[in-house]
Amino acid sequence: MKRLIGVLFALIVACIPIRIQAQDVSLSFEYTGQKIEVEDATKYYSTDFELLDEAPSDCGIYIAVTSSGPKYYEIKPKDVEVSVSYNKDWRFGDPEIEKYVCECKEDLNYKLMINTNDEFEAENEYNGNYRFVFSPSKVTDVKVEKTRVTHPDVEYVYNEQGTYIYSTIHGVKPIKLMDAGDYMVSFDLDETYYESVPFKVTILPKTVQLKLVKQTKFVGEKDPVFENEDYILTREPGEEAGDYKLTVQSKSKNYSYELLSGDVFTILDRRENETLKKPYIKEEPKKQEEVKKPEESIQEDYKQETPKQKAVKKVTQKKPTVKPAPPEKLQETLPATNPVVQKTEEPEVQQEGVIVPVRYTSKNTYKYVYTPNRF
């Protein structure tokens, strides 16, 4: 009897797994981190027929006991998409796993791993509740991207020491240009990690201002030399007397010249040339006797241009001589009272003079001035 009971128990134990596998999972849920309850369920069991204290939350297959019988349901792991790209800062010698950069929308902690099939995996502690889906899924499918190095177009003025263009990346050798012109350049970088984008560099000629001495020639003569080791002067065509505009052209592309003065070339008339060719005759100084004072020259002009006037004889009246009377007669003639002394009036002598014309050399006019007679 005991043997029979043991055989029946063994059969029951052996048939339970077969029944579970044969039973279809009627319900399926996605992991949310919360308890997932089945409607009308009173008890929950694991697939090992272990009674659970509450509704499960982790992923797996569970049995819910309901009034209509047991129901098998599944909690599936939640898919988490992870984007994998190439790390531009990775260099040879760094860990291989650091060659890739992952981006995930979920705030989860995991470690990127590569299996033997070169597939990406996530090492985590979420008990299988999350399924990390990598895109791309294999190492060989990750596109190796280089660091794109760009530089704006720039413009400089020619420098005798050279023009240098520097990169923003440390340790990159600068570009050196020596002559003026337009260039398409790019930085010399390691093509394994960098992609240098060409850019345009313009170096303008350096302006030099010139102050030239005015140049001339006479009609029929050859032009002077308009060229030196730095530039060439060119004038407007023509050989007649007049002014001709000068222009300057540099012999070097590194310099441009600007005329501030001396930009006009003059052709002189031949008559001016003959005048300039006459010998210079130095005038001998006059003798001292011939040099006259201004006053003497004015008097000579007066003597020549003014008619002579007759001299007026000066007449002077002689004073009458009065002899003094003897005292006896003087007393007889004078009255006794109020003696008066009679004065003898002397006749006034009028001084006679001449009218002398004075010539003003500045206006060539005469003015008559009365002067006392000095004859």
Protein backbone atom coordinates (compact mmCIF):
# COMPACT_ATOMS: atom_id res chain seq x y z
CA MET A 1 0.00 0.00 0.00
CA LYS A 2 2.74 2.39 0.90
CA ARG A 3 4.47 1.51 -2.33
CA LEU A 4 1.34 2.40 -4.28
CA ILE A 5 0.98 5.78 -2.57
CA GLY A 6 4.61 6.65 -3.38
CA VAL A 7 4.14 5.83 -7.03
CA LEU A 8 1.07 8.08 -7.24
CA PHE A 9 2.93 10.98 -5.58
CA ALA A 10 5.82 10.65 -8.02
CA LEU A 11 3.42 10.74 -10.92
CA ILE A 12 1.76 13.89 -9.59
CA VAL A 13 5.12 15.65 -9.11
CA ALA A 14 6.24 14.68 -12.61
CA CYS A 15 3.05 15.88 -14.24
CA ILE A 16 3.04 19.42 -12.72
CA PRO A 17 5.80 20.86 -14.99
CA ILE A 18 4.24 19.28 -18.03
CA ARG A 19 0.96 20.94 -17.16
CA ILE A 20 2.59 24.35 -16.76
CA GLN A 21 4.33 24.16 -20.09
CA ALA A 22 1.18 23.05 -21.79
CA GLN A 23 -0.86 25.86 -20.25
CA ASP A 24 -0.93 29.01 -22.36
CA VAL A 25 -0.06 32.36 -20.79
CA SER A 26 -3.32 34.22 -20.99
CA LEU A 27 -2.13 37.64 -19.77
CA SER A 28 1.00 39.71 -20.46
CA PHE A 29 2.16 42.94 -18.84
CA GLU A 30 5.20 45.23 -19.25
CA TYR A 31 7.39 45.99 -16.30
CA THR A 32 6.52 49.27 -14.61
CA GLY A 33 8.20 48.89 -11.25
CA GLN A 34 4.77 48.68 -9.60
CA LYS A 35 2.71 45.65 -8.40
CA ILE A 36 0.74 44.09 -11.21
CA GLU A 37 -2.51 42.57 -10.02
CA VAL A 38 -4.87 40.29 -11.94
CA GLU A 39 -8.60 40.94 -11.74
CA ASP A 40 -10.50 38.66 -9.32
CA ALA A 41 -7.25 37.08 -8.09
CA THR A 42 -7.02 36.01 -4.45
CA LYS A 43 -3.60 34.38 -4.39
CA TYR A 44 -0.39 34.56 -6.41
CA TYR A 45 2.09 31.76 -6.92
CA SER A 46 5.42 31.51 -8.60
CA THR A 47 6.06 28.84 -11.19
CA ASP A 48 7.60 26.83 -8.39
CA PHE A 49 4.22 26.88 -6.63
CA GLU A 50 5.60 29.18 -4.00
CA LEU A 51 2.88 31.26 -2.44
CA LEU A 52 3.63 34.96 -2.74
CA ASP A 53 2.71 37.44 -0.04
CA GLU A 54 1.48 40.02 -2.58
CA ALA A 55 1.11 40.64 -6.26
CA PRO A 56 4.49 40.48 -8.01
CA SER A 57 6.30 43.48 -9.62
CA ASP A 58 9.42 41.90 -11.15
CA CYS A 59 9.49 40.26 -14.53
CA GLY A 60 8.56 36.56 -14.81
CA ILE A 61 5.65 34.11 -15.17
CA TYR A 62 3.16 33.90 -12.30
CA ILE A 63 -0.04 32.03 -11.37
CA ALA A 64 -3.04 34.00 -10.21
CA VAL A 65 -5.80 32.03 -8.44
CA THR A 66 -9.20 33.38 -9.40
CA SER A 67 -12.80 32.24 -8.90
CA SER A 68 -12.79 30.81 -12.41
CA GLY A 69 -9.57 28.92 -11.83
CA PRO A 70 -5.85 29.56 -12.05
CA LYS A 71 -4.55 32.00 -14.68
CA TYR A 72 -0.99 32.21 -15.96
CA TYR A 73 0.30 35.68 -16.71
CA GLU A 74 3.70 37.16 -17.58
CA ILE A 75 5.50 40.39 -16.68
CA LYS A 76 7.87 41.22 -19.54
CA PRO A 77 11.01 43.40 -19.22
CA LYS A 78 10.74 46.96 -20.41
CA ASP A 79 12.72 47.77 -23.54
CA VAL A 80 15.26 50.56 -23.17
CA GLU A 81 16.74 51.97 -26.38
CA VAL A 82 20.41 52.90 -26.27
CA SER A 83 22.10 54.80 -29.12
CA VAL A 84 25.79 54.01 -29.65
CA SER A 85 28.19 56.38 -31.45
CA TYR A 86 31.91 56.75 -31.93
CA ASN A 87 33.88 58.75 -29.34
CA LYS A 88 35.85 61.41 -31.22
CA ASP A 89 38.14 61.99 -28.24
CA TRP A 90 39.29 58.37 -28.12
CA ARG A 91 42.96 57.79 -28.91
CA PHE A 92 45.06 54.69 -29.32
CA GLY A 93 46.08 53.39 -25.90
CA ASP A 94 42.73 54.20 -24.27
CA PRO A 95 40.45 51.30 -23.16
CA GLU A 96 38.59 49.84 -26.12
CA ILE A 97 35.22 50.18 -24.44
CA GLU A 98 35.75 53.97 -24.16
CA LYS A 99 35.76 54.20 -27.94
CA TYR A 100 31.93 54.29 -27.85
CA VAL A 101 29.46 56.75 -26.39
CA CYS A 102 25.97 55.71 -25.30
CA GLU A 103 22.85 57.84 -25.06
CA CYS A 104 19.74 56.64 -23.23
CA LYS A 105 16.46 58.39 -22.54
CA GLU A 106 15.98 56.53 -19.26
CA ASP A 107 17.98 57.52 -16.21
CA LEU A 108 19.46 54.08 -15.60
CA ASN A 109 22.82 52.88 -14.42
CA TYR A 110 24.54 50.30 -16.54
CA LYS A 111 27.92 49.38 -17.95
CA LEU A 112 28.51 48.85 -21.63
CA MET A 113 30.02 45.48 -22.47
CA ILE A 114 31.00 43.71 -25.70
CA ASN A 115 30.44 39.95 -25.95
CA THR A 116 32.36 37.42 -27.99
CA ASN A 117 30.12 38.05 -31.01
CA ASP A 118 31.07 41.78 -30.98
CA GLU A 119 27.59 42.61 -29.74
CA PHE A 120 26.82 45.27 -27.17
CA GLU A 121 25.42 44.27 -23.80
CA ALA A 122 24.48 46.12 -20.64
CA GLU A 123 25.68 44.96 -17.27
CA ASN A 124 23.14 46.11 -14.69
CA GLU A 125 21.44 45.25 -11.41
CA TYR A 126 17.79 45.48 -12.46
CA ASN A 127 17.09 41.68 -12.24
CA GLY A 128 16.14 41.44 -15.90
CA ASN A 129 13.37 44.01 -15.59
CA TYR A 130 14.94 46.10 -18.39
CA ARG A 131 16.05 44.85 -21.77
CA PHE A 132 18.66 47.13 -23.24
CA VAL A 133 18.34 47.43 -27.00
CA PHE A 134 21.48 48.86 -28.62
CA SER A 135 21.49 50.66 -31.93
CA PRO A 136 23.62 49.67 -33.71
CA SER A 137 23.87 46.34 -31.99
CA LYS A 138 27.36 45.39 -33.18
CA VAL A 139 30.75 47.05 -32.97
CA THR A 140 31.34 46.69 -36.69
CA ASP A 141 28.21 48.73 -37.43
CA VAL A 142 29.36 51.83 -35.52
CA LYS A 143 30.49 54.56 -37.90
CA VAL A 144 33.87 56.01 -37.03
CA GLU A 145 33.40 59.80 -37.02
CA LYS A 146 36.26 62.27 -37.07
CA THR A 147 36.42 65.61 -35.35
CA ARG A 148 35.48 68.24 -37.91
CA VAL A 149 37.83 71.20 -37.68
CA THR A 150 36.56 74.42 -39.28
CA HIS A 151 37.89 77.97 -39.55
CA PRO A 152 36.20 81.10 -40.92
CA ASP A 153 37.52 82.87 -44.00
CA VAL A 154 40.03 85.54 -42.96
CA GLU A 155 41.78 88.57 -44.48
CA TYR A 156 45.20 89.97 -43.58
CA VAL A 157 47.68 92.63 -44.80
CA TYR A 158 51.06 91.49 -46.09
CA ASN A 159 53.74 91.12 -43.43
CA GLU A 160 57.42 90.77 -44.26
CA GLN A 161 57.79 88.21 -41.45
CA GLY A 162 54.96 86.06 -42.78
CA THR A 163 51.27 85.58 -41.95
CA TYR A 164 50.31 82.90 -39.39
CA ILE A 165 46.87 81.28 -38.98
CA TYR A 166 46.30 79.30 -35.78
CA SER A 167 43.84 76.49 -34.98
CA THR A 168 41.65 76.24 -31.92
CA ILE A 169 42.95 72.70 -31.31
CA HIS A 170 45.93 72.56 -29.03
CA GLY A 171 49.16 71.28 -30.52
CA VAL A 172 48.22 71.85 -34.16
CA LYS A 173 50.92 73.45 -36.28
CA PRO A 174 49.87 76.91 -37.58
CA ILE A 175 49.62 77.71 -41.27
CA LYS A 176 52.32 80.12 -42.53
CA LEU A 177 51.91 82.21 -45.72
CA MET A 178 54.62 84.53 -47.05
CA ASP A 179 53.18 86.37 -50.08
CA ALA A 180 50.05 88.38 -50.83
CA GLY A 181 47.23 86.62 -52.67
CA ASP A 182 44.21 84.34 -52.22
CA TYR A 183 44.67 80.87 -50.71
CA MET A 184 42.51 77.82 -49.90
CA VAL A 185 44.16 76.17 -46.90
CA SER A 186 43.48 73.56 -44.23
CA PHE A 187 45.30 72.47 -41.09
CA ASP A 188 47.66 69.50 -41.14
CA LEU A 189 45.86 67.08 -38.79
CA ASP A 190 45.85 63.35 -38.10
CA GLU A 191 43.26 62.03 -40.53
CA THR A 192 42.52 59.15 -38.18
CA TYR A 193 40.78 61.47 -35.76
CA TYR A 194 40.26 64.82 -37.57
CA GLU A 195 38.69 66.18 -40.70
CA SER A 196 40.09 69.60 -41.59
CA VAL A 197 37.69 71.71 -43.65
CA PRO A 198 39.44 74.04 -46.15
CA PHE A 199 38.92 77.78 -45.75
CA LYS A 200 39.92 80.92 -47.67
CA VAL A 201 42.76 83.25 -46.66
CA THR A 202 43.24 86.62 -48.41
CA ILE A 203 46.49 88.55 -47.93
CA LEU A 204 46.26 92.12 -49.24
CA PRO A 205 49.30 94.05 -50.54
CA LYS A 206 50.88 96.53 -48.15
CA THR A 207 50.29 100.16 -49.22
CA VAL A 208 53.35 102.44 -49.52
CA GLN A 209 52.84 106.22 -49.94
CA LEU A 210 55.21 108.07 -52.27
CA LYS A 211 56.17 111.76 -52.35
CA LEU A 212 58.01 112.30 -55.65
CA VAL A 213 59.87 115.35 -56.94
CA LYS A 214 58.10 117.02 -59.86
CA GLN A 215 59.59 115.90 -63.18
CA THR A 216 59.68 117.97 -66.40
CA LYS A 217 61.19 118.03 -69.87
CA PHE A 218 61.14 120.30 -72.94
CA VAL A 219 59.33 119.59 -76.14
CA GLY A 220 61.34 117.22 -78.28
CA GLU A 221 63.42 115.79 -75.45
CA LYS A 222 63.31 112.18 -74.24
CA ASP A 223 61.37 111.25 -71.15
CA PRO A 224 63.36 110.74 -67.96
CA VAL A 225 63.66 107.25 -66.47
CA PHE A 226 60.33 106.31 -64.88
CA GLU A 227 61.40 102.95 -63.46
CA ASN A 228 63.33 101.69 -60.44
CA GLU A 229 63.70 98.35 -58.67
CA ASP A 230 60.38 98.72 -56.82
CA TYR A 231 57.87 100.31 -59.20
CA ILE A 232 57.25 101.74 -62.70
CA LEU A 233 55.76 105.16 -63.46
CA THR A 234 53.57 105.54 -66.54
CA ARG A 235 52.39 108.87 -67.95
CA GLU A 236 49.56 109.82 -70.26
CA PRO A 237 50.48 109.83 -73.98
CA GLY A 238 51.39 113.10 -75.70
CA GLU A 239 54.40 115.22 -76.64
CA GLU A 240 52.92 118.71 -76.67
CA ALA A 241 53.53 121.24 -73.95
CA GLY A 242 51.31 120.65 -70.95
CA ASP A 243 50.70 118.46 -67.90
CA TYR A 244 50.34 114.68 -68.04
CA LYS A 245 49.01 112.43 -65.28
CA LEU A 246 51.41 109.88 -63.79
CA THR A 247 50.37 106.45 -62.49
CA VAL A 248 52.47 103.97 -60.52
CA GLN A 249 52.59 100.19 -60.80
CA SER A 250 54.37 97.93 -58.31
CA LYS A 251 56.81 95.28 -59.46
CA SER A 252 55.90 93.10 -56.47
CA LYS A 253 52.50 91.67 -55.63
CA ASN A 254 53.26 92.26 -51.96
CA TYR A 255 53.19 96.07 -52.23
CA SER A 256 50.94 98.72 -53.73
CA TYR A 257 52.08 102.32 -54.14
CA GLU A 258 50.10 105.54 -53.75
CA LEU A 259 51.30 108.91 -55.11
CA LEU A 260 50.80 111.74 -52.64
CA SER A 261 52.80 114.32 -54.65
CA GLY A 262 54.70 114.50 -57.93
CA ASP A 263 51.93 112.74 -59.82
CA VAL A 264 52.02 115.23 -62.74
CA PHE A 265 54.66 115.26 -65.49
CA THR A 266 55.09 118.60 -67.31
CA ILE A 267 56.37 119.18 -70.85
CA LEU A 268 57.68 122.73 -71.27
CA ASP A 269 57.52 124.80 -74.47
CA ARG A 270 60.73 125.17 -76.53
CA ARG A 271 60.53 128.99 -76.23
CA GLU A 272 60.87 128.65 -72.52
CA ASN A 273 63.87 126.47 -73.18
CA GLU A 274 65.54 129.21 -75.36
CA THR A 275 64.90 131.79 -72.68
CA LEU A 276 66.55 129.64 -70.12
CA LYS A 277 69.53 129.03 -72.44
CA LYS A 278 70.44 132.79 -72.69
CA PRO A 279 73.69 133.58 -70.87
CA TYR A 280 73.38 135.54 -67.70
CA ILE A 281 75.02 138.99 -67.91
CA LYS A 282 75.97 140.47 -64.63
CA GLU A 283 75.44 144.25 -64.46
CA GLU A 284 78.43 146.26 -63.38
CA PRO A 285 77.87 148.48 -60.36
CA LYS A 286 77.64 152.21 -61.05
CA LYS A 287 80.41 154.50 -60.02
CA GLN A 288 79.99 156.30 -56.81
CA GLU A 289 79.90 159.66 -58.60
CA GLU A 290 76.93 158.57 -60.70
CA VAL A 291 74.95 157.50 -57.69
CA LYS A 292 72.89 160.44 -56.60
CA LYS A 293 71.08 160.97 -53.46
CA PRO A 294 67.30 161.13 -53.66
CA GLU A 295 67.28 164.78 -52.59
CA GLU A 296 69.72 165.79 -55.33
CA SER A 297 67.72 163.98 -57.98
CA ILE A 298 64.57 165.77 -56.87
CA GLN A 299 66.35 169.17 -57.04
CA GLU A 300 67.67 168.42 -60.53
CA ASP A 301 64.19 167.43 -61.69
CA TYR A 302 62.93 170.67 -60.24
CA LYS A 303 65.59 172.74 -61.99
CA GLN A 304 64.84 171.07 -65.31
CA GLU A 305 61.05 171.19 -65.20
CA THR A 306 60.45 174.48 -63.30
CA PRO A 307 61.15 177.78 -65.16
CA LYS A 308 63.56 180.09 -63.45
CA GLN A 309 62.02 182.99 -61.61
CA LYS A 310 63.60 186.42 -61.36
CA ALA A 311 65.17 187.10 -58.08
CA VAL A 312 63.47 189.77 -56.07
CA LYS A 313 65.85 192.34 -54.73
CA LYS A 314 65.59 192.73 -51.06
CA VAL A 315 64.93 196.33 -50.04
CA THR A 316 65.72 197.45 -46.56
CA GLN A 317 64.95 200.84 -45.13
CA LYS A 318 67.62 202.60 -43.21
CA LYS A 319 66.79 203.83 -39.81
CA PRO A 320 66.94 207.65 -39.44
CA THR A 321 69.71 208.78 -37.26
CA VAL A 322 68.59 211.19 -34.59
CA LYS A 323 71.18 213.21 -32.84
CA PRO A 324 70.51 213.81 -29.22
CA ALA A 325 69.79 217.45 -28.28
CA PRO A 326 71.80 219.24 -25.63
CA PRO A 327 70.31 219.08 -22.23
CA GLU A 328 69.55 222.78 -22.17
CA LYS A 329 67.34 222.59 -25.25
CA LEU A 330 65.74 219.38 -24.08
CA GLN A 331 64.53 221.04 -20.93
CA GLU A 332 63.16 224.00 -22.85
CA THR A 333 61.16 221.88 -25.19
CA LEU A 334 59.65 219.64 -22.57
CA PRO A 335 56.76 220.96 -20.48
CA ALA A 336 57.34 221.44 -16.81
CA THR A 337 54.57 219.12 -15.72
CA ASN A 338 54.08 215.53 -16.87
CA PRO A 339 57.12 215.21 -18.94
CA VAL A 340 56.48 212.84 -21.85
CA VAL A 341 59.15 211.00 -23.70
CA GLN A 342 58.21 210.69 -27.37
CA LYS A 343 59.06 207.45 -29.03
CA THR A 344 60.08 207.29 -32.63
CA GLU A 345 58.33 204.56 -34.52
CA GLU A 346 60.52 202.60 -36.83
CA PRO A 347 58.96 201.60 -40.09
CA GLU A 348 58.19 197.86 -40.33
CA VAL A 349 60.29 196.02 -42.76
CA GLN A 350 58.34 193.49 -44.73
CA GLN A 351 60.32 190.41 -45.56
CA GLU A 352 59.90 189.32 -49.05
CA GLY A 353 60.12 185.67 -50.19
CA VAL A 354 59.57 183.40 -53.16
CA ILE A 355 57.14 180.59 -53.92
CA VAL A 356 59.07 177.39 -54.56
CA PRO A 357 57.36 174.39 -56.21
CA VAL A 358 58.09 171.02 -54.54
CA ARG A 359 57.73 167.86 -56.62
CA TYR A 360 56.34 164.61 -55.17
CA THR A 361 57.98 161.80 -57.07
CA SER A 362 55.44 159.20 -55.92
CA LYS A 363 52.47 160.93 -57.61
CA ASN A 364 54.39 163.09 -60.13
CA THR A 365 52.63 166.27 -58.92
CA TYR A 366 53.76 169.61 -57.67
CA LYS A 367 52.80 171.61 -54.67
CA TYR A 368 53.75 175.22 -54.21
CA VAL A 369 55.03 176.23 -50.80
CA TYR A 370 55.92 179.70 -49.73
CA THR A 371 59.44 179.98 -48.35
CA PRO A 372 61.27 183.06 -47.13
CA ASN A 373 63.55 184.63 -49.62
CA ARG A 374 67.10 183.50 -49.15
CA PHE A 375 68.70 185.41 -52.02
